[in-house]
C-alpha atoms as a PDB file:
ATOM      1  CA  MET A   1     -26.004 211.779  83.765  1.00  0.00           C
ATOM      2  CA  THR A   2     -24.420 208.456  84.177  1.00  0.00           C
ATOM      3  CA  ARG A   3     -20.244 207.464  84.887  1.00  0.00           C
ATOM      4  CA  GLU A   4     -20.861 205.883  81.182  1.00  0.00           C
ATOM      5  CA  GLN A   5     -22.058 209.520  79.855  1.00  0.00           C
ATOM      6  CA  LEU A   6     -19.369 211.725  81.235  1.00  0.00           C
ATOM      7  CA  PRO A   7     -16.887 212.700  78.213  1.00  0.00           C
ATOM      8  CA  GLU A   8     -13.105 212.384  78.911  1.00  0.00           C
ATOM      9  CA  VAL A   9     -12.922 215.859  79.669  1.00  0.00           C
ATOM     10  CA  LEU A  10     -15.709 217.375  82.073  1.00  0.00           C
ATOM     11  CA  LYS A  11     -16.973 221.064  81.752  1.00  0.00           C
ATOM     12  CA  VAL A  12     -18.423 222.447  85.092  1.00  0.00           C
ATOM     13  CA  ARG A  13     -21.717 221.921  83.411  1.00  0.00           C
ATOM     14  CA  HIS A  14     -21.268 218.147  83.282  1.00  0.00           C
ATOM     15  CA  ILE A  15     -20.287 218.067  86.911  1.00  0.00           C
ATOM     16  CA  LYS A  16     -23.264 219.763  88.021  1.00  0.00           C
ATOM     17  CA  GLU A  17     -25.425 217.506  86.299  1.00  0.00           C
ATOM     18  CA  PHE A  18     -23.573 214.447  87.296  1.00  0.00           C
ATOM     19  CA  LEU A  19     -23.855 215.349  91.131  1.00  0.00           C
ATOM     20  CA  SER A  20     -27.299 216.978  90.930  1.00  0.00           C
ATOM     21  CA  ILE A  21     -26.025 220.438  92.505  1.00  0.00           C
ATOM     22  CA  GLY A  22     -26.376 223.935  91.528  1.00  0.00           C
ATOM     23  CA  LYS A  23     -23.999 225.983  89.399  1.00  0.00           C
ATOM     24  CA  ASP A  24     -22.459 227.986  92.166  1.00  0.00           C
ATOM     25  CA  GLN A  25     -21.745 224.942  93.730  1.00  0.00           C
ATOM     26  CA  ALA A  26     -19.946 222.955  91.038  1.00  0.00           C
ATOM     27  CA  TYR A  27     -17.794 226.140  90.710  1.00  0.00           C
ATOM     28  CA  GLU A  28     -17.107 226.194  94.254  1.00  0.00           C
ATOM     29  CA  LEU A  29     -16.139 222.403  94.240  1.00  0.00           C
ATOM     30  CA  VAL A  30     -13.832 222.927  91.130  1.00  0.00           C
ATOM     31  CA  HIS A  31     -11.987 225.921  92.732  1.00  0.00           C
ATOM     32  CA  SER A  32     -11.832 223.988  96.001  1.00  0.00           C
ATOM     33  CA  GLY A  33      -8.697 222.053  94.344  1.00  0.00           C
ATOM     34  CA  VAL A  34     -10.225 218.622  95.170  1.00  0.00           C
ATOM     35  CA  PHE A  35      -9.378 217.396  92.036  1.00  0.00           C
ATOM     36  CA  HIS A  36      -7.265 218.491  89.065  1.00  0.00           C
ATOM     37  CA  CYS A  37      -8.701 221.054  86.644  1.00  0.00           C
ATOM     38  CA  VAL A  38      -7.226 223.117  83.829  1.00  0.00           C
ATOM     39  CA  ARG A  39      -8.181 226.553  82.873  1.00  0.00           C
ATOM     40  CA  VAL A  40      -8.148 227.139  78.903  1.00  0.00           C
ATOM     41  CA  GLY A  41      -9.219 230.628  78.156  1.00  0.00           C
ATOM     42  CA  LYS A  42     -12.449 231.102  80.135  1.00  0.00           C
ATOM     43  CA  ARG A  43     -13.445 227.477  80.446  1.00  0.00           C
ATOM     44  CA  ILE A  44     -12.788 225.264  83.401  1.00  0.00           C
ATOM     45  CA  LEU A  45     -11.876 221.688  82.200  1.00  0.00           C
ATOM     46  CA  VAL A  46     -11.725 218.568  84.557  1.00  0.00           C
ATOM     47  CA  PRO A  47     -10.145 214.987  83.490  1.00  0.00           C
ATOM     48  CA  ARG A  48     -12.670 212.553  83.927  1.00  0.00           C
ATOM     49  CA  GLU A  49     -10.538 209.790  85.428  1.00  0.00           C
ATOM     50  CA  GLY A  50      -9.387 212.576  88.319  1.00  0.00           C
ATOM     51  CA  PHE A  51     -12.949 213.788  89.085  1.00  0.00           C
ATOM     52  CA  LEU A  52     -14.357 209.811  89.314  1.00  0.00           C
ATOM     53  CA  ASN A  53     -11.313 209.057  91.626  1.00  0.00           C
ATOM     54  CA  TRP A  54     -12.245 211.630  93.695  1.00  0.00           C
ATOM     55  CA  TYR A  55     -16.004 210.886  93.323  1.00  0.00           C
ATOM     56  CA  ASP A  56     -15.160 207.252  94.361  1.00  0.00           C
ATOM     57  CA  GLY A  57     -13.059 208.319  97.275  1.00  0.00           C
ATOM     58  CA  LYS A  58      -9.967 207.490  95.737  1.00  0.00           C
ATOM     59  CA  ALA A  59      -8.061 210.867  95.957  1.00  0.00           C
END
């Protein structure tokens, strides 16, 4: 998955595919608080901009 393919709001599976990491590692990363995420019911959603800022080292 490339940056251009990422949706505006990421699910954990998008982060997993983008970073080429396992599901457990993706959940650990999301729960670590290094970027903003929102829980909607059982879903964890991450704004693309915040995630990419973290990925690029801007956060």
